[in-house]
Amino acid sequence: MQPLNLGKEKALEKILHYCAYQERCHAEVREKLYSFGLYKEQIEELISYLIAENYLNEERFAMAFAGGKFRMKSWGRIKIRYELKQLQVSEYCIKKALTEIDEEEYLEKLKKLFIEKSQKLPTEKNHFTRNKKIMSYLQQKGYESFLIHNLLKEF
């Protein structure tokens, strides 16, 4: 268990390591600093320092988050946007991060997921039930409905 108040210097040392390890959003860092038992003024001062020293950059975090979730977990833009909002990332940074996802690569990933899911449902006789299952799966992954409808028409 953490001590009641870690102290500003010790907290700075720990939070520098925390931010250097991987990209963090402001909300994560603020929560971590509160867990050290610091006061609001100390936390805001440390966050300002982290931003000034480029340890903390919300735009960079949003881009890394969006790119990683898209490439590694095959998430669509809707799910990425939702998760970034949950992390209290600004709308500007969210939009910037989503524009960094290549449109061609995005459509290829969607098509790949569509084909993979279609191949897992060969026993489904009813065409409408099959399409509904595919649609639900792709929407759960965070892909836009109109893109999924276009794929359903294509195949």
C-alpha atoms as a PDB file:
ATOM      1  CA  MET A   1       0.000   0.000   0.000  1.00  0.00           C
ATOM      2  CA  GLN A   2       1.201   3.522  -0.862  1.00  0.00           C
ATOM      3  CA  PRO A   3       2.066   5.964   1.940  1.00  0.00           C
ATOM      4  CA  LEU A   4      -0.465   8.701   2.645  1.00  0.00           C
ATOM      5  CA  ASN A   5       1.637  11.395   0.976  1.00  0.00           C
ATOM      6  CA  LEU A   6       4.621  10.265  -1.063  1.00  0.00           C
ATOM      7  CA  GLY A   7       6.069  13.747  -1.419  1.00  0.00           C
ATOM      8  CA  LYS A   8       6.444  15.839  -4.540  1.00  0.00           C
ATOM      9  CA  GLU A   9      10.058  14.898  -5.344  1.00  0.00           C
ATOM     10  CA  LYS A  10       9.535  11.146  -4.940  1.00  0.00           C
ATOM     11  CA  ALA A  11       6.243  11.354  -6.876  1.00  0.00           C
ATOM     12  CA  LEU A  12       8.008  13.194  -9.707  1.00  0.00           C
ATOM     13  CA  GLU A  13      10.652  10.491  -9.915  1.00  0.00           C
ATOM     14  CA  LYS A  14       8.012   7.754 -10.039  1.00  0.00           C
ATOM     15  CA  ILE A  15       5.754   9.545 -12.510  1.00  0.00           C
ATOM     16  CA  LEU A  16       8.661  10.267 -14.880  1.00  0.00           C
ATOM     17  CA  HIS A  17       9.362   6.548 -15.023  1.00  0.00           C
ATOM     18  CA  TYR A  18       5.638   5.827 -15.427  1.00  0.00           C
ATOM     19  CA  CYS A  19       5.363   8.209 -18.402  1.00  0.00           C
ATOM     20  CA  ALA A  20       8.647   7.124 -19.988  1.00  0.00           C
ATOM     21  CA  TYR A  21       7.604   3.454 -19.971  1.00  0.00           C
ATOM     22  CA  GLN A  22       4.710   3.997 -22.402  1.00  0.00           C
ATOM     23  CA  GLU A  23       2.452   6.765 -23.707  1.00  0.00           C
ATOM     24  CA  ARG A  24      -0.087   7.891 -21.108  1.00  0.00           C
ATOM     25  CA  CYS A  25      -3.132  10.141 -21.210  1.00  0.00           C
ATOM     26  CA  HIS A  26      -3.637  12.986 -18.770  1.00  0.00           C
ATOM     27  CA  ALA A  27      -6.380  11.113 -16.889  1.00  0.00           C
ATOM     28  CA  GLU A  28      -4.126   8.081 -16.255  1.00  0.00           C
ATOM     29  CA  VAL A  29      -1.311  10.275 -14.961  1.00  0.00           C
ATOM     30  CA  ARG A  30      -3.657  12.341 -12.793  1.00  0.00           C
ATOM     31  CA  GLU A  31      -5.138   9.153 -11.290  1.00  0.00           C
ATOM     32  CA  LYS A  32      -1.661   7.779 -10.584  1.00  0.00           C
ATOM     33  CA  LEU A  33      -0.596  11.019  -8.917  1.00  0.00           C
ATOM     34  CA  TYR A  34      -3.702  10.988  -6.723  1.00  0.00           C
ATOM     35  CA  SER A  35      -2.807   7.430  -5.701  1.00  0.00           C
ATOM     36  CA  PHE A  36       0.498   8.846  -4.381  1.00  0.00           C
ATOM     37  CA  GLY A  37      -1.513  10.974  -1.948  1.00  0.00           C
ATOM     38  CA  LEU A  38      -0.639  14.328  -3.501  1.00  0.00           C
ATOM     39  CA  TYR A  39      -2.787  17.445  -3.327  1.00  0.00           C
ATOM     40  CA  LYS A  40      -4.519  18.957  -6.352  1.00  0.00           C
ATOM     41  CA  GLU A  41      -2.092  21.902  -6.622  1.00  0.00           C
ATOM     42  CA  GLN A  42       0.908  19.545  -6.554  1.00  0.00           C
ATOM     43  CA  ILE A  43      -0.688  17.298  -9.169  1.00  0.00           C
ATOM     44  CA  GLU A  44      -1.432  20.181 -11.538  1.00  0.00           C
ATOM     45  CA  GLU A  45       2.118  21.474 -11.090  1.00  0.00           C
ATOM     46  CA  LEU A  46       3.595  18.042 -11.890  1.00  0.00           C
ATOM     47  CA  ILE A  47       1.321  17.587 -14.925  1.00  0.00           C
ATOM     48  CA  SER A  48       2.392  21.008 -16.232  1.00  0.00           C
ATOM     49  CA  TYR A  49       6.026  19.977 -15.795  1.00  0.00           C
ATOM     50  CA  LEU A  50       5.432  16.654 -17.611  1.00  0.00           C
ATOM     51  CA  ILE A  51       3.782  18.455 -20.523  1.00  0.00           C
ATOM     52  CA  ALA A  52       6.564  21.061 -20.704  1.00  0.00           C
ATOM     53  CA  GLU A  53       9.238  18.353 -20.708  1.00  0.00           C
ATOM     54  CA  ASN A  54       7.286  16.363 -23.349  1.00  0.00           C
ATOM     55  CA  TYR A  55       6.785  13.316 -21.122  1.00  0.00           C
ATOM     56  CA  LEU A  56       3.060  13.792 -21.482  1.00  0.00           C
ATOM     57  CA  ASN A  57       1.497  14.567 -24.839  1.00  0.00           C
ATOM     58  CA  GLU A  58      -2.190  13.820 -25.324  1.00  0.00           C
ATOM     59  CA  GLU A  59      -2.038  14.036 -29.132  1.00  0.00           C
ATOM     60  CA  ARG A  60       0.866  11.583 -29.269  1.00  0.00           C
ATOM     61  CA  PHE A  61      -0.969   9.280 -26.847  1.00  0.00           C
ATOM     62  CA  ALA A  62      -4.160   9.355 -28.947  1.00  0.00           C
ATOM     63  CA  MET A  63      -2.252   8.525 -32.133  1.00  0.00           C
ATOM     64  CA  ALA A  64      -0.376   5.650 -30.485  1.00  0.00           C
ATOM     65  CA  PHE A  65      -3.584   4.328 -28.901  1.00  0.00           C
ATOM     66  CA  ALA A  66      -5.616   4.504 -32.121  1.00  0.00           C
ATOM     67  CA  GLY A  67      -2.883   2.968 -34.265  1.00  0.00           C
ATOM     68  CA  GLY A  68      -2.195   0.203 -31.774  1.00  0.00           C
ATOM     69  CA  LYS A  69      -5.814  -0.780 -31.222  1.00  0.00           C
ATOM     70  CA  PHE A  70      -6.456  -0.729 -34.960  1.00  0.00           C
ATOM     71  CA  ARG A  71      -3.419  -2.817 -35.902  1.00  0.00           C
ATOM     72  CA  MET A  72      -3.272  -5.193 -32.933  1.00  0.00           C
ATOM     73  CA  LYS A  73      -6.934  -5.661 -31.987  1.00  0.00           C
ATOM     74  CA  SER A  74      -8.573  -4.765 -35.325  1.00  0.00           C
ATOM     75  CA  TRP A  75     -10.819  -2.155 -33.712  1.00  0.00           C
ATOM     76  CA  GLY A  76     -12.870   0.169 -35.877  1.00  0.00           C
ATOM     77  CA  ARG A  77     -13.073   3.939 -35.572  1.00  0.00           C
ATOM     78  CA  ILE A  78     -16.263   3.929 -33.489  1.00  0.00           C
ATOM     79  CA  LYS A  79     -14.773   1.761 -30.751  1.00  0.00           C
ATOM     80  CA  ILE A  80     -11.477   3.659 -30.761  1.00  0.00           C
ATOM     81  CA  ARG A  81     -13.337   6.988 -30.469  1.00  0.00           C
ATOM     82  CA  TYR A  82     -15.435   5.643 -27.582  1.00  0.00           C
ATOM     83  CA  GLU A  83     -12.409   4.333 -25.672  1.00  0.00           C
ATOM     84  CA  LEU A  84     -10.488   7.592 -26.138  1.00  0.00           C
ATOM     85  CA  LYS A  85     -13.501   9.530 -24.831  1.00  0.00           C
ATOM     86  CA  GLN A  86     -13.566   7.227 -21.813  1.00  0.00           C
ATOM     87  CA  LEU A  87      -9.939   8.198 -21.196  1.00  0.00           C
ATOM     88  CA  GLN A  88     -10.985  11.886 -21.334  1.00  0.00           C
ATOM     89  CA  VAL A  89      -8.910  12.667 -24.418  1.00  0.00           C
ATOM     90  CA  SER A  90      -9.876  15.928 -26.156  1.00  0.00           C
ATOM     91  CA  GLU A  91     -12.039  15.824 -29.276  1.00  0.00           C
ATOM     92  CA  TYR A  92      -9.280  17.502 -31.304  1.00  0.00           C
ATOM     93  CA  CYS A  93      -6.797  14.737 -30.419  1.00  0.00           C
ATOM     94  CA  ILE A  94      -9.362  12.025 -31.122  1.00  0.00           C
ATOM     95  CA  LYS A  95     -10.085  13.428 -34.602  1.00  0.00           C
ATOM     96  CA  LYS A  96      -6.381  13.801 -35.351  1.00  0.00           C
ATOM     97  CA  ALA A  97      -5.675  10.219 -34.237  1.00  0.00           C
ATOM     98  CA  LEU A  98      -8.505   8.786 -36.329  1.00  0.00           C
ATOM     99  CA  THR A  99      -7.350  10.610 -39.459  1.00  0.00           C
ATOM    100  CA  GLU A 100      -3.957   8.925 -39.061  1.00  0.00           C
ATOM    101  CA  ILE A 101      -5.553   5.530 -39.802  1.00  0.00           C
ATOM    102  CA  ASP A 102      -5.058   4.879 -43.509  1.00  0.00           C
ATOM    103  CA  GLU A 103      -8.442   4.532 -45.256  1.00  0.00           C
ATOM    104  CA  GLU A 104      -7.267   1.797 -47.625  1.00  0.00           C
ATOM    105  CA  GLU A 105      -5.747  -0.211 -44.770  1.00  0.00           C
ATOM    106  CA  TYR A 106      -8.936   0.314 -42.746  1.00  0.00           C
ATOM    107  CA  LEU A 107     -11.150  -1.074 -45.516  1.00  0.00           C
ATOM    108  CA  GLU A 108      -8.771  -4.008 -46.055  1.00  0.00           C
ATOM    109  CA  LYS A 109      -8.902  -4.877 -42.347  1.00  0.00           C
ATOM    110  CA  LEU A 110     -12.707  -4.692 -42.406  1.00  0.00           C
ATOM    111  CA  LYS A 111     -12.854  -6.945 -45.471  1.00  0.00           C
ATOM    112  CA  LYS A 112     -10.456  -9.436 -43.848  1.00  0.00           C
ATOM    113  CA  LEU A 113     -12.582  -9.577 -40.671  1.00  0.00           C
ATOM    114  CA  PHE A 114     -15.706  -9.971 -42.797  1.00  0.00           C
ATOM    115  CA  ILE A 115     -14.233 -12.919 -44.710  1.00  0.00           C
ATOM    116  CA  GLU A 116     -12.912 -14.573 -41.531  1.00  0.00           C
ATOM    117  CA  LYS A 117     -16.317 -14.314 -39.841  1.00  0.00           C
ATOM    118  CA  SER A 118     -18.091 -15.553 -42.984  1.00  0.00           C
ATOM    119  CA  GLN A 119     -15.877 -18.643 -43.069  1.00  0.00           C
ATOM    120  CA  LYS A 120     -16.696 -19.402 -39.437  1.00  0.00           C
ATOM    121  CA  LEU A 121     -20.418 -19.467 -40.261  1.00  0.00           C
ATOM    122  CA  PRO A 122     -20.606 -21.998 -43.135  1.00  0.00           C
ATOM    123  CA  THR A 123     -23.326 -24.058 -41.431  1.00  0.00           C
ATOM    124  CA  GLU A 124     -25.692 -21.090 -41.175  1.00  0.00           C
ATOM    125  CA  LYS A 125     -28.413 -21.808 -43.744  1.00  0.00           C
ATOM    126  CA  ASN A 126     -30.523 -18.683 -43.332  1.00  0.00           C
ATOM    127  CA  HIS A 127     -28.913 -15.859 -45.303  1.00  0.00           C
ATOM    128  CA  PHE A 128     -30.460 -13.120 -43.110  1.00  0.00           C
ATOM    129  CA  THR A 129     -29.336 -14.739 -39.842  1.00  0.00           C
ATOM    130  CA  ARG A 130     -25.816 -15.161 -41.234  1.00  0.00           C
ATOM    131  CA  ASN A 131     -25.666 -11.503 -42.305  1.00  0.00           C
ATOM    132  CA  LYS A 132     -27.049 -10.375 -38.934  1.00  0.00           C
ATOM    133  CA  LYS A 133     -24.327 -12.309 -37.092  1.00  0.00           C
ATOM    134  CA  ILE A 134     -21.622 -10.850 -39.334  1.00  0.00           C
ATOM    135  CA  MET A 135     -23.065  -7.356 -38.937  1.00  0.00           C
ATOM    136  CA  SER A 136     -23.218  -7.673 -35.134  1.00  0.00           C
ATOM    137  CA  TYR A 137     -19.649  -8.939 -34.959  1.00  0.00           C
ATOM    138  CA  LEU A 138     -18.261  -6.104 -37.068  1.00  0.00           C
ATOM    139  CA  GLN A 139     -20.279  -3.457 -35.211  1.00  0.00           C
ATOM    140  CA  GLN A 140     -18.980  -4.854 -31.921  1.00  0.00           C
ATOM    141  CA  LYS A 141     -15.464  -4.359 -33.305  1.00  0.00           C
ATOM    142  CA  GLY A 142     -16.385  -0.710 -33.905  1.00  0.00           C
ATOM    143  CA  TYR A 143     -16.831  -0.520 -37.666  1.00  0.00           C
ATOM    144  CA  GLU A 144     -19.345   1.799 -39.280  1.00  0.00           C
ATOM    145  CA  SER A 145     -22.709   0.318 -40.341  1.00  0.00           C
ATOM    146  CA  PHE A 146     -22.644   1.796 -43.841  1.00  0.00           C
ATOM    147  CA  LEU A 147     -19.259   0.180 -44.563  1.00  0.00           C
ATOM    148  CA  ILE A 148     -20.552  -3.179 -43.339  1.00  0.00           C
ATOM    149  CA  HIS A 149     -23.705  -2.838 -45.500  1.00  0.00           C
ATOM    150  CA  ASN A 150     -21.526  -2.101 -48.529  1.00  0.00           C
ATOM    151  CA  LEU A 151     -19.538  -5.278 -47.859  1.00  0.00           C
ATOM    152  CA  LEU A 152     -22.704  -7.345 -47.437  1.00  0.00           C
ATOM    153  CA  LYS A 153     -23.941  -6.101 -50.822  1.00  0.00           C
ATOM    154  CA  GLU A 154     -20.570  -6.878 -52.414  1.00  0.00           C
ATOM    155  CA  PHE A 155     -20.508 -10.526 -51.248  1.00  0.00           C
END
